[in-house]
Every structure is written in C-alpha cells, then in structure tokens.
Amino acid sequence: MKIAYLDIETNYTGKLTNQRLFSDHKNHRITVLGMRVLQEDKDSFLQLVRTDVSKVALLSALRGTDLIITYNGRSIPDKMKGYTGFDFPVIAAQLGVVLDEEFKHVDLCPVCWQHGLWGGQKAIERSLGLKRKLTGRDGAWADATWKEYETTGYDNFLNELLEYNREDVFMLRRIQEALRCTENYQRPRRSSSHAAPLL
C-alpha cells in the first residue's frame, strides 16, 4: 500500500485579517508542499518549493498512491460538522486539482473529533503527548518566514521553513499511529477508473 502524508505552507496575499482568511483559498500562495511517501519498505520525502509547485509535479509524486493523509486538508465537507479544511481547497484553487475527488483520503482532524480531541495540529500533538523539535512555530510564523526569505534571499529563512514543514508532515504519521485510524478514509468521489489518467 502506498500512503502519502501531505502538508502545505502558504503565503497569504489577501486582505482578510480574521479567521475568514483561512477560507480565502484563492489568496493563499503555496510556498512549500511537503510529502512523505511510505510503500512497503520504502520511505521517501519530497518538498516542492514555490515555483516547483505545479499540478504536473504534484500528480507525478502521487502516481500510484492508495491513500493520502492530512490534518485539516479536506475539500469534501466532513460528516460531523460539514466543514471543509485548508490544504486541498488551496491546492484546488492554485493547481486546479481536487485531491480528495481523485484519491482516498484520511483527514486526521475529524478523526480527532471522534476521539474527543479538538484544535489545530499542534494542539492535538500536545494532547497526545507528542514532542516536536521545533516549538513555538505555527502557520503565521511560516508565512512571516517566507516573506523574510523573499525580502532578503537568505537561505537560513528557507531552511527553517523547510524543516518546519518536514516536521508537520512527519507528525501526521505519529498522530495516525496514536489514533490507529488507518482505514477511516474518505472515498474519492470519482471511481478508480478516473483516478489514473490525471496528467
């Protein structure tokens, strides 16, 4: 079974300043797309950075994937609250592909609700006793760090952002293992016969 753990970082270019900015998907530019792929005894990690983020590159990396796992990534509303998430809607707005219509998908956020766990990914990690190497950083920090990188061109800003994204991605599996939720996936809206010819 080929499983992809996926997380994005973004730079918000819109004008909203409250919680609504998270639903302003078209104004979030993907700065980093991180993906860890597990298949049998293979464990690989890929990061696409700004201009490398494309539909072709993403679907090429996902070719043959049986299951994608995210935290709050869904574009199909969940069955508990009817909410959508963040990653897939932003990817759809920027790249024109709706990943949970093409691939089986587990969004760990609604799964956490089923276990009485609430909050963003970092809050869930703390609730589960999972420790990060990089603490005190969040999506706002990631946005600001990308802006610093664009302004200065200093690689240390980009390297910090890449390490942050890597930890976001690798924490997805640790949350999954803590919740033991391998099979609770959202089936794609399209049949498997439509899932192969994406490029």
N, C-alpha and C. Protein backbone atom coordinates (compact mmCIF):
# COMPACT_ATOMS: atom_id res chain seq x y z
N MET A 1 0.84 -1.19 0.00
CA MET A 1 0.00 0.00 0.00
C MET A 1 0.88 1.25 0.00
N LYS A 2 0.58 2.19 -0.87
CA LYS A 2 1.34 3.44 -0.96
C LYS A 2 0.55 4.55 -0.27
N ILE A 3 1.12 5.10 0.79
CA ILE A 3 0.46 6.14 1.58
C ILE A 3 1.28 7.42 1.49
N ALA A 4 0.61 8.54 1.21
CA ALA A 4 1.27 9.85 1.15
C ALA A 4 0.75 10.74 2.26
N TYR A 5 1.66 11.28 3.04
CA TYR A 5 1.35 12.25 4.10
C TYR A 5 1.69 13.62 3.55
N LEU A 6 0.71 14.53 3.53
CA LEU A 6 0.87 15.78 2.79
C LEU A 6 0.53 16.98 3.65
N ASP A 7 1.34 18.04 3.51
CA ASP A 7 1.08 19.30 4.21
C ASP A 7 1.65 20.45 3.38
N ILE A 8 0.96 21.58 3.40
CA ILE A 8 1.45 22.76 2.68
C ILE A 8 1.69 23.92 3.64
N GLU A 9 2.60 24.80 3.21
CA GLU A 9 2.78 26.11 3.84
C GLU A 9 2.36 27.15 2.81
N THR A 10 1.83 28.26 3.27
CA THR A 10 1.33 29.26 2.33
C THR A 10 1.73 30.67 2.74
N ASN A 11 1.64 31.55 1.76
CA ASN A 11 1.83 32.99 1.94
C ASN A 11 0.50 33.65 1.59
N TYR A 12 -0.14 34.26 2.58
CA TYR A 12 -1.45 34.87 2.35
C TYR A 12 -1.28 36.25 1.73
N THR A 13 -1.94 36.48 0.61
CA THR A 13 -1.83 37.74 -0.12
C THR A 13 -3.13 38.53 -0.13
N GLY A 14 -4.16 38.04 0.58
CA GLY A 14 -5.45 38.72 0.61
C GLY A 14 -5.49 39.81 1.67
N LYS A 15 -6.70 40.33 1.90
CA LYS A 15 -6.87 41.47 2.79
C LYS A 15 -7.56 41.12 4.11
N LEU A 16 -8.02 39.87 4.26
CA LEU A 16 -8.72 39.50 5.48
C LEU A 16 -7.73 39.33 6.63
N THR A 17 -8.18 39.67 7.83
CA THR A 17 -7.29 39.59 8.99
C THR A 17 -7.87 38.70 10.09
N ASN A 18 -9.08 38.21 9.92
CA ASN A 18 -9.69 37.36 10.95
C ASN A 18 -9.67 35.91 10.49
N GLN A 19 -10.42 35.07 11.17
CA GLN A 19 -10.43 33.64 10.86
C GLN A 19 -10.89 33.35 9.43
N ARG A 20 -11.62 34.29 8.83
CA ARG A 20 -12.11 34.06 7.47
C ARG A 20 -10.98 33.93 6.45
N LEU A 21 -9.80 34.41 6.79
CA LEU A 21 -8.70 34.33 5.83
C LEU A 21 -8.35 32.88 5.50
N PHE A 22 -8.67 31.95 6.42
CA PHE A 22 -8.37 30.54 6.15
C PHE A 22 -9.29 29.96 5.08
N SER A 23 -10.42 30.63 4.84
CA SER A 23 -11.34 30.18 3.78
C SER A 23 -11.13 30.96 2.48
N ASP A 24 -10.22 31.91 2.50
CA ASP A 24 -9.92 32.71 1.32
C ASP A 24 -8.86 31.98 0.49
N HIS A 25 -9.24 30.81 -0.01
CA HIS A 25 -8.26 29.88 -0.58
C HIS A 25 -7.51 30.44 -1.77
N LYS A 26 -8.17 31.23 -2.59
CA LYS A 26 -7.52 31.70 -3.81
C LYS A 26 -6.40 32.69 -3.53
N ASN A 27 -6.36 33.26 -2.33
CA ASN A 27 -5.32 34.23 -1.99
C ASN A 27 -4.22 33.64 -1.12
N HIS A 28 -4.16 32.33 -1.03
CA HIS A 28 -3.05 31.66 -0.36
C HIS A 28 -2.13 31.08 -1.44
N ARG A 29 -0.92 31.57 -1.53
CA ARG A 29 0.07 31.01 -2.45
C ARG A 29 0.81 29.88 -1.73
N ILE A 30 0.92 28.75 -2.38
CA ILE A 30 1.66 27.63 -1.78
C ILE A 30 3.15 27.95 -1.88
N THR A 31 3.81 28.01 -0.73
CA THR A 31 5.25 28.27 -0.70
C THR A 31 6.03 26.97 -0.61
N VAL A 32 5.51 26.01 0.18
CA VAL A 32 6.15 24.71 0.32
C VAL A 32 5.06 23.65 0.35
N LEU A 33 5.25 22.59 -0.42
CA LEU A 33 4.40 21.41 -0.36
C LEU A 33 5.28 20.24 0.03
N GLY A 34 5.03 19.68 1.20
CA GLY A 34 5.82 18.56 1.69
C GLY A 34 5.03 17.28 1.64
N MET A 35 5.70 16.19 1.27
CA MET A 35 5.03 14.90 1.16
C MET A 35 5.97 13.78 1.56
N ARG A 36 5.52 12.96 2.50
CA ARG A 36 6.24 11.74 2.86
C ARG A 36 5.48 10.56 2.27
N VAL A 37 6.17 9.69 1.58
CA VAL A 37 5.53 8.55 0.92
C VAL A 37 6.09 7.27 1.50
N LEU A 38 5.19 6.43 2.01
CA LEU A 38 5.55 5.12 2.53
C LEU A 38 4.95 4.05 1.63
N GLN A 39 5.79 3.11 1.22
CA GLN A 39 5.33 2.00 0.40
C GLN A 39 6.18 0.78 0.70
N GLU A 40 5.58 -0.19 1.36
CA GLU A 40 6.30 -1.39 1.79
C GLU A 40 7.52 -0.98 2.61
N ASP A 41 8.73 -1.28 2.14
CA ASP A 41 9.92 -0.94 2.92
C ASP A 41 10.56 0.37 2.46
N LYS A 42 9.87 1.12 1.61
CA LYS A 42 10.40 2.39 1.11
C LYS A 42 9.80 3.56 1.88
N ASP A 43 10.64 4.54 2.22
CA ASP A 43 10.22 5.73 2.95
C ASP A 43 10.92 6.92 2.32
N SER A 44 10.16 7.75 1.58
CA SER A 44 10.77 8.89 0.89
C SER A 44 10.08 10.18 1.30
N PHE A 45 10.80 11.28 1.12
CA PHE A 45 10.26 12.60 1.48
C PHE A 45 10.59 13.58 0.37
N LEU A 46 9.59 14.37 0.00
CA LEU A 46 9.71 15.32 -1.11
C LEU A 46 9.19 16.67 -0.67
N GLN A 47 9.89 17.73 -1.06
CA GLN A 47 9.37 19.08 -0.86
C GLN A 47 9.44 19.85 -2.17
N LEU A 48 8.31 20.43 -2.56
CA LEU A 48 8.25 21.33 -3.71
C LEU A 48 8.19 22.74 -3.17
N VAL A 49 9.03 23.63 -3.70
CA VAL A 49 9.13 25.00 -3.20
C VAL A 49 8.69 25.97 -4.28
N ARG A 50 7.78 26.81 -3.94
CA ARG A 50 7.18 27.89 -4.74
C ARG A 50 7.05 27.59 -6.23
N THR A 51 8.05 27.94 -7.06
CA THR A 51 7.88 27.78 -8.50
C THR A 51 7.90 26.32 -8.92
N ASP A 52 8.37 25.42 -8.04
CA ASP A 52 8.35 23.99 -8.34
C ASP A 52 6.99 23.37 -8.08
N VAL A 53 6.11 24.11 -7.39
CA VAL A 53 4.78 23.59 -7.07
C VAL A 53 3.91 23.69 -8.32
N SER A 54 3.55 22.55 -8.88
CA SER A 54 2.72 22.53 -10.08
C SER A 54 1.83 21.30 -10.05
N LYS A 55 0.78 21.32 -10.85
CA LYS A 55 -0.11 20.17 -10.95
C LYS A 55 0.64 18.95 -11.45
N VAL A 56 1.49 19.15 -12.45
CA VAL A 56 2.24 18.03 -13.02
C VAL A 56 3.16 17.41 -11.98
N ALA A 57 3.90 18.25 -11.25
CA ALA A 57 4.84 17.74 -10.24
C ALA A 57 4.11 17.03 -9.12
N LEU A 58 2.99 17.61 -8.68
CA LEU A 58 2.23 17.00 -7.59
C LEU A 58 1.66 15.65 -7.99
N LEU A 59 1.00 15.58 -9.13
CA LEU A 59 0.38 14.34 -9.55
C LEU A 59 1.41 13.28 -9.93
N SER A 60 2.55 13.72 -10.39
CA SER A 60 3.63 12.78 -10.65
C SER A 60 4.10 12.14 -9.35
N ALA A 61 4.24 12.95 -8.30
CA ALA A 61 4.65 12.43 -6.99
C ALA A 61 3.60 11.51 -6.39
N LEU A 62 2.34 11.76 -6.70
CA LEU A 62 1.24 10.98 -6.14
C LEU A 62 0.85 9.76 -6.98
N ARG A 63 1.48 9.58 -8.12
CA ARG A 63 1.10 8.49 -9.02
C ARG A 63 1.17 7.15 -8.27
N GLY A 64 0.08 6.39 -8.32
CA GLY A 64 0.03 5.09 -7.67
C GLY A 64 -0.30 5.13 -6.20
N THR A 65 -0.59 6.31 -5.67
CA THR A 65 -0.90 6.44 -4.25
C THR A 65 -2.27 5.83 -3.94
N ASP A 66 -2.33 5.03 -2.87
CA ASP A 66 -3.58 4.42 -2.44
C ASP A 66 -4.33 5.28 -1.43
N LEU A 67 -3.61 6.11 -0.69
CA LEU A 67 -4.22 6.86 0.40
C LEU A 67 -3.39 8.10 0.70
N ILE A 68 -4.06 9.26 0.82
CA ILE A 68 -3.41 10.49 1.27
C ILE A 68 -3.89 10.79 2.69
N ILE A 69 -2.98 11.22 3.54
CA ILE A 69 -3.32 11.59 4.91
C ILE A 69 -2.90 13.04 5.15
N THR A 70 -3.83 13.82 5.70
CA THR A 70 -3.57 15.22 6.02
C THR A 70 -4.11 15.53 7.42
N TYR A 71 -3.84 16.74 7.88
CA TYR A 71 -4.57 17.27 9.04
C TYR A 71 -5.29 18.52 8.56
N ASN A 72 -6.61 18.48 8.59
CA ASN A 72 -7.47 19.57 8.13
C ASN A 72 -7.23 19.89 6.65
N GLY A 73 -7.08 18.85 5.85
CA GLY A 73 -6.79 19.06 4.44
C GLY A 73 -7.98 18.95 3.52
N ARG A 74 -9.10 18.43 3.98
CA ARG A 74 -10.20 18.01 3.11
C ARG A 74 -10.87 19.17 2.36
N SER A 75 -11.31 18.88 1.14
CA SER A 75 -12.18 19.81 0.42
C SER A 75 -13.61 19.30 0.36
N ILE A 76 -13.80 18.00 0.64
CA ILE A 76 -15.14 17.44 0.78
C ILE A 76 -15.58 17.64 2.23
N PRO A 77 -16.74 18.25 2.49
CA PRO A 77 -17.15 18.50 3.87
C PRO A 77 -17.20 17.22 4.70
N ASP A 78 -16.73 17.33 5.95
CA ASP A 78 -16.75 16.16 6.83
C ASP A 78 -18.18 15.85 7.25
N LYS A 79 -18.40 14.63 7.75
CA LYS A 79 -19.74 14.17 8.10
C LYS A 79 -20.19 14.63 9.49
N MET A 80 -19.26 15.11 10.31
CA MET A 80 -19.61 15.51 11.67
C MET A 80 -20.15 16.93 11.72
N LYS A 81 -19.43 17.86 11.08
CA LYS A 81 -19.81 19.28 11.16
C LYS A 81 -20.10 19.90 9.80
N GLY A 82 -19.77 19.17 8.73
CA GLY A 82 -19.99 19.73 7.40
C GLY A 82 -18.98 20.79 7.01
N TYR A 83 -17.79 20.75 7.64
CA TYR A 83 -16.74 21.73 7.35
C TYR A 83 -15.78 21.18 6.30
N THR A 84 -15.16 22.09 5.57
CA THR A 84 -14.02 21.73 4.73
C THR A 84 -12.75 22.18 5.46
N GLY A 85 -11.61 21.73 4.92
CA GLY A 85 -10.34 22.07 5.54
C GLY A 85 -9.59 23.13 4.75
N PHE A 86 -8.27 22.97 4.67
CA PHE A 86 -7.42 24.02 4.13
C PHE A 86 -6.57 23.57 2.94
N ASP A 87 -5.78 22.51 3.13
CA ASP A 87 -4.76 22.17 2.14
C ASP A 87 -5.34 21.87 0.76
N PHE A 88 -6.31 20.96 0.69
CA PHE A 88 -6.86 20.57 -0.61
C PHE A 88 -7.60 21.72 -1.30
N PRO A 89 -8.41 22.54 -0.58
CA PRO A 89 -9.02 23.68 -1.25
C PRO A 89 -8.01 24.68 -1.82
N VAL A 90 -6.90 24.91 -1.09
CA VAL A 90 -5.86 25.80 -1.61
C VAL A 90 -5.20 25.18 -2.84
N ILE A 91 -4.90 23.89 -2.77
CA ILE A 91 -4.32 23.19 -3.91
C ILE A 91 -5.27 23.25 -5.11
N ALA A 92 -6.56 23.07 -4.85
CA ALA A 92 -7.55 23.14 -5.94
C ALA A 92 -7.58 24.52 -6.56
N ALA A 93 -7.54 25.56 -5.72
CA ALA A 93 -7.61 26.93 -6.22
C ALA A 93 -6.36 27.29 -7.02
N GLN A 94 -5.19 26.79 -6.59
CA GLN A 94 -3.94 27.17 -7.24
C GLN A 94 -3.57 26.25 -8.39
N LEU A 95 -3.83 24.95 -8.22
CA LEU A 95 -3.35 23.98 -9.22
C LEU A 95 -4.46 23.35 -10.05
N GLY A 96 -5.71 23.53 -9.63
CA GLY A 96 -6.81 23.03 -10.43
C GLY A 96 -7.06 21.55 -10.33
N VAL A 97 -6.67 20.92 -9.21
CA VAL A 97 -6.96 19.51 -8.99
C VAL A 97 -7.50 19.35 -7.57
N VAL A 98 -8.61 18.61 -7.44
CA VAL A 98 -9.25 18.37 -6.14
C VAL A 98 -8.82 16.99 -5.69
N LEU A 99 -7.88 16.93 -4.79
CA LEU A 99 -7.22 15.66 -4.48
C LEU A 99 -8.15 14.64 -3.86
N ASP A 100 -9.10 15.07 -3.02
CA ASP A 100 -9.98 14.07 -2.42
C ASP A 100 -11.13 13.67 -3.32
N GLU A 101 -11.17 14.17 -4.54
CA GLU A 101 -12.05 13.62 -5.56
C GLU A 101 -11.32 12.57 -6.39
N GLU A 102 -10.00 12.51 -6.26
CA GLU A 102 -9.19 11.62 -7.07
C GLU A 102 -8.56 10.49 -6.27
N PHE A 103 -8.36 10.70 -4.96
CA PHE A 103 -7.66 9.73 -4.12
C PHE A 103 -8.43 9.47 -2.83
N LYS A 104 -8.28 8.27 -2.30
CA LYS A 104 -8.77 8.00 -0.95
C LYS A 104 -8.01 8.91 0.01
N HIS A 105 -8.71 9.35 1.06
CA HIS A 105 -8.13 10.39 1.91
C HIS A 105 -8.58 10.21 3.35
N VAL A 106 -7.63 10.30 4.28
CA VAL A 106 -7.93 10.41 5.70
C VAL A 106 -7.54 11.81 6.14
N ASP A 107 -8.52 12.56 6.62
CA ASP A 107 -8.24 13.84 7.28
C ASP A 107 -8.25 13.57 8.78
N LEU A 108 -7.12 13.74 9.42
CA LEU A 108 -6.99 13.41 10.83
C LEU A 108 -7.79 14.35 11.73
N CYS A 109 -8.17 15.52 11.23
CA CYS A 109 -8.90 16.47 12.07
C CYS A 109 -10.25 15.92 12.52
N PRO A 110 -11.15 15.51 11.61
CA PRO A 110 -12.41 14.91 12.06
C PRO A 110 -12.21 13.61 12.84
N VAL A 111 -11.14 12.87 12.52
CA VAL A 111 -10.86 11.65 13.28
C VAL A 111 -10.56 12.01 14.73
N CYS A 112 -9.81 13.09 14.92
CA CYS A 112 -9.52 13.56 16.28
C CYS A 112 -10.81 13.96 17.01
N TRP A 113 -11.72 14.59 16.29
CA TRP A 113 -13.01 14.94 16.93
C TRP A 113 -13.70 13.69 17.45
N GLN A 114 -13.64 12.63 16.67
CA GLN A 114 -14.28 11.37 17.10
C GLN A 114 -13.65 10.82 18.38
N HIS A 115 -12.41 11.21 18.64
CA HIS A 115 -11.71 10.77 19.85
C HIS A 115 -11.77 11.83 20.95
N GLY A 116 -12.59 12.87 20.76
CA GLY A 116 -12.73 13.91 21.78
C GLY A 116 -11.55 14.85 21.83
N LEU A 117 -10.78 14.96 20.72
CA LEU A 117 -9.62 15.84 20.66
C LEU A 117 -9.94 17.00 19.73
N TRP A 118 -9.64 18.22 20.18
CA TRP A 118 -10.04 19.40 19.43
C TRP A 118 -8.86 20.35 19.28
N GLY A 119 -8.85 21.12 18.20
CA GLY A 119 -7.81 22.12 17.99
C GLY A 119 -7.01 21.86 16.74
N GLY A 120 -6.01 22.72 16.52
CA GLY A 120 -5.13 22.56 15.38
C GLY A 120 -4.15 21.42 15.59
N GLN A 121 -3.32 21.18 14.58
CA GLN A 121 -2.42 20.03 14.63
C GLN A 121 -1.49 20.08 15.84
N LYS A 122 -0.95 21.26 16.14
CA LYS A 122 -0.01 21.35 17.26
C LYS A 122 -0.71 21.06 18.58
N ALA A 123 -1.94 21.53 18.72
CA ALA A 123 -2.70 21.26 19.95
C ALA A 123 -2.97 19.77 20.10
N ILE A 124 -3.28 19.12 18.98
CA ILE A 124 -3.53 17.67 19.02
C ILE A 124 -2.26 16.93 19.42
N GLU A 125 -1.14 17.35 18.87
CA GLU A 125 0.14 16.72 19.23
C GLU A 125 0.39 16.83 20.73
N ARG A 126 0.14 18.01 21.29
CA ARG A 126 0.34 18.18 22.73
C ARG A 126 -0.61 17.29 23.52
N SER A 127 -1.86 17.20 23.06
CA SER A 127 -2.84 16.36 23.75
C SER A 127 -2.43 14.89 23.74
N LEU A 128 -1.75 14.48 22.67
CA LEU A 128 -1.32 13.09 22.53
C LEU A 128 0.07 12.84 23.13
N GLY A 129 0.67 13.90 23.67
CA GLY A 129 2.00 13.76 24.27
C GLY A 129 3.12 13.65 23.27
N LEU A 130 2.90 14.14 22.06
CA LEU A 130 3.92 14.09 21.01
C LEU A 130 4.78 15.34 21.08
N LYS A 131 6.09 15.17 21.04
CA LYS A 131 7.02 16.28 21.20
C LYS A 131 7.65 16.66 19.87
N ARG A 132 7.74 17.96 19.63
CA ARG A 132 8.41 18.49 18.44
C ARG A 132 9.82 18.97 18.79
N LYS A 133 10.69 18.94 17.78
CA LYS A 133 12.00 19.56 17.94
C LYS A 133 11.88 21.08 17.84
N LEU A 134 11.03 21.53 16.90
CA LEU A 134 10.83 22.96 16.68
C LEU A 134 9.55 23.38 17.39
N THR A 135 9.66 24.18 18.41
CA THR A 135 8.48 24.59 19.19
C THR A 135 8.18 26.08 18.96
N GLY A 136 6.96 26.47 19.29
CA GLY A 136 6.57 27.86 19.21
C GLY A 136 6.41 28.40 17.81
N ARG A 137 6.18 27.52 16.86
CA ARG A 137 6.03 27.94 15.47
C ARG A 137 4.69 27.45 14.94
N ASP A 138 4.09 28.25 14.05
CA ASP A 138 2.78 27.91 13.50
C ASP A 138 2.67 28.45 12.08
N GLY A 139 1.45 28.42 11.56
CA GLY A 139 1.25 28.88 10.18
C GLY A 139 1.58 30.34 9.99
N ALA A 140 1.29 31.18 10.99
CA ALA A 140 1.62 32.60 10.89
C ALA A 140 3.13 32.79 10.84
N TRP A 141 3.85 32.00 11.65
CA TRP A 141 5.31 32.05 11.61
C TRP A 141 5.81 31.62 10.22
N ALA A 142 5.21 30.58 9.66
CA ALA A 142 5.63 30.09 8.35
C ALA A 142 5.42 31.16 7.28
N ASP A 143 4.31 31.86 7.34
CA ASP A 143 4.01 32.93 6.39
C ASP A 143 5.05 34.05 6.53
N ALA A 144 5.30 34.47 7.77
CA ALA A 144 6.26 35.55 8.02
C ALA A 144 7.67 35.15 7.59
N THR A 145 8.04 33.89 7.84
CA THR A 145 9.37 33.42 7.48
C THR A 145 9.57 33.40 5.97
N TRP A 146 8.51 32.99 5.25
CA TRP A 146 8.61 33.04 3.79
C TRP A 146 8.79 34.47 3.30
N LYS A 147 8.06 35.41 3.89
CA LYS A 147 8.19 36.82 3.49
C LYS A 147 9.62 37.31 3.74
N GLU A 148 10.21 36.91 4.88
CA GLU A 148 11.59 37.28 5.17
C GLU A 148 12.54 36.69 4.12
N TYR A 149 12.28 35.46 3.73
CA TYR A 149 13.11 34.83 2.70
C TYR A 149 12.99 35.57 1.37
N GLU A 150 11.76 35.92 0.97
CA GLU A 150 11.57 36.63 -0.28
C GLU A 150 12.24 38.00 -0.25
N THR A 151 12.19 38.66 0.90
CA THR A 151 12.74 40.01 1.03
C THR A 151 14.26 40.00 1.04
N THR A 152 14.84 39.06 1.79
CA THR A 152 16.29 39.06 2.00
C THR A 152 17.05 38.12 1.09
N GLY A 153 16.38 37.02 0.67
CA GLY A 153 17.07 36.00 -0.09
C GLY A 153 17.98 35.12 0.74
N TYR A 154 17.92 35.26 2.07
CA TYR A 154 18.79 34.47 2.95
C TYR A 154 18.27 33.04 3.04
N ASP A 155 19.14 32.09 2.76
CA ASP A 155 18.74 30.68 2.74
C ASP A 155 18.36 30.16 4.12
N ASN A 156 18.86 30.80 5.19
CA ASN A 156 18.53 30.29 6.52
C ASN A 156 17.04 30.39 6.80
N PHE A 157 16.37 31.42 6.25
CA PHE A 157 14.93 31.53 6.42
C PHE A 157 14.22 30.37 5.70
N LEU A 158 14.65 30.09 4.48
CA LEU A 158 14.04 28.99 3.72
C LEU A 158 14.32 27.65 4.40
N ASN A 159 15.53 27.47 4.87
CA ASN A 159 15.87 26.20 5.52
C ASN A 159 15.04 25.96 6.78
N GLU A 160 14.81 27.02 7.56
CA GLU A 160 13.97 26.89 8.75
C GLU A 160 12.55 26.52 8.36
N LEU A 161 12.04 27.14 7.30
CA LEU A 161 10.68 26.84 6.84
C LEU A 161 10.57 25.41 6.34
N LEU A 162 11.57 24.95 5.63
CA LEU A 162 11.56 23.58 5.14
C LEU A 162 11.60 22.57 6.29
N GLU A 163 12.37 22.87 7.31
CA GLU A 163 12.44 21.97 8.46
C GLU A 163 11.12 21.96 9.22
N TYR A 164 10.49 23.12 9.31
CA TYR A 164 9.17 23.22 9.96
C TYR A 164 8.14 22.38 9.19
N ASN A 165 8.13 22.52 7.87
CA ASN A 165 7.20 21.74 7.05
C ASN A 165 7.47 20.25 7.17
N ARG A 166 8.73 19.87 7.19
CA ARG A 166 9.09 18.46 7.34
C ARG A 166 8.52 17.91 8.65
N GLU A 167 8.64 18.68 9.72
CA GLU A 167 8.13 18.20 11.00
C GLU A 167 6.60 18.12 10.98
N ASP A 168 5.95 19.07 10.34
CA ASP A 168 4.49 18.99 10.15
C ASP A 168 4.10 17.67 9.48
N VAL A 169 4.82 17.34 8.40
CA VAL A 169 4.49 16.15 7.62
C VAL A 169 4.75 14.88 8.44
N PHE A 170 5.89 14.79 9.08
CA PHE A 170 6.24 13.58 9.82
C PHE A 170 5.36 13.39 11.05
N MET A 171 4.85 14.48 11.61
CA MET A 171 3.94 14.37 12.75
C MET A 171 2.61 13.74 12.34
N LEU A 172 2.23 13.84 11.07
CA LEU A 172 0.97 13.25 10.63
C LEU A 172 0.94 11.75 10.90
N ARG A 173 2.02 11.07 10.60
CA ARG A 173 2.05 9.63 10.84
C ARG A 173 2.02 9.32 12.34
N ARG A 174 2.70 10.14 13.12
CA ARG A 174 2.69 9.90 14.56
C ARG A 174 1.29 10.09 15.15
N ILE A 175 0.54 11.07 14.64
CA ILE A 175 -0.85 11.24 15.07
C ILE A 175 -1.68 10.05 14.62
N GLN A 176 -1.50 9.65 13.37
CA GLN A 176 -2.23 8.49 12.84
C GLN A 176 -1.98 7.25 13.69
N GLU A 177 -0.73 7.01 14.01
CA GLU A 177 -0.40 5.83 14.81
C GLU A 177 -1.00 5.93 16.21
N ALA A 178 -1.01 7.13 16.77
CA ALA A 178 -1.58 7.30 18.10
C ALA A 178 -3.09 7.04 18.11
N LEU A 179 -3.74 7.37 16.99
CA LEU A 179 -5.20 7.21 16.90
C LEU A 179 -5.59 5.87 16.26
N ARG A 180 -4.61 5.19 15.65
CA ARG A 180 -4.86 3.91 14.98
C ARG A 180 -6.02 4.03 14.00
N CYS A 181 -5.89 4.96 13.05
CA CYS A 181 -7.04 5.27 12.16
C CYS A 181 -6.70 5.01 10.70
N THR A 182 -6.05 3.94 10.38
CA THR A 182 -5.60 3.68 9.02
C THR A 182 -6.75 3.57 8.02
N GLU A 183 -7.85 2.95 8.41
CA GLU A 183 -8.89 2.62 7.43
C GLU A 183 -10.05 3.61 7.38
N ASN A 184 -10.05 4.62 8.22
CA ASN A 184 -11.19 5.54 8.27
C ASN A 184 -11.01 6.63 7.22
N TYR A 185 -11.04 6.24 5.95
CA TYR A 185 -10.76 7.21 4.91
C TYR A 185 -12.02 7.70 4.22
N GLN A 186 -11.88 8.88 3.61
CA GLN A 186 -12.92 9.45 2.75
C GLN A 186 -12.69 8.89 1.35
N ARG A 187 -13.68 8.16 0.84
CA ARG A 187 -13.53 7.61 -0.51
C ARG A 187 -13.61 8.74 -1.54
N PRO A 188 -12.84 8.64 -2.62
CA PRO A 188 -12.90 9.68 -3.64
C PRO A 188 -14.26 9.68 -4.32
N ARG A 189 -14.67 10.85 -4.79
CA ARG A 189 -15.95 10.95 -5.48
C ARG A 189 -15.90 10.28 -6.85
N ARG A 190 -14.72 10.28 -7.44
CA ARG A 190 -14.58 9.64 -8.75
C ARG A 190 -14.22 8.19 -8.55
N SER A 191 -14.59 7.36 -9.51
CA SER A 191 -14.23 5.96 -9.43
C SER A 191 -12.76 5.80 -9.72
N SER A 192 -12.22 4.61 -9.36
CA SER A 192 -10.80 4.37 -9.57
C SER A 192 -10.42 4.43 -11.05
N SER A 193 -11.39 4.19 -11.92
CA SER A 193 -11.10 4.23 -13.35
C SER A 193 -10.75 5.63 -13.80
N HIS A 194 -11.18 6.65 -13.01
CA HIS A 194 -10.86 8.02 -13.36
C HIS A 194 -9.60 8.52 -12.64
N ALA A 195 -9.11 7.71 -11.70
CA ALA A 195 -8.02 8.21 -10.86
C ALA A 195 -6.66 8.12 -11.54
N ALA A 196 -6.51 7.25 -12.53
CA ALA A 196 -5.18 7.05 -13.12
C ALA A 196 -4.77 8.16 -14.10
N PRO A 197 -5.63 8.51 -15.10
CA PRO A 197 -5.16 9.43 -16.12
C PRO A 197 -5.30 10.90 -15.71
N LEU A 198 -4.54 11.32 -14.69
CA LEU A 198 -4.68 12.68 -14.19
C LEU A 198 -3.79 13.67 -14.93
N LEU A 199 -2.72 13.20 -15.52
CA LEU A 199 -1.80 14.13 -16.17
C LEU A 199 -2.13 14.30 -17.65
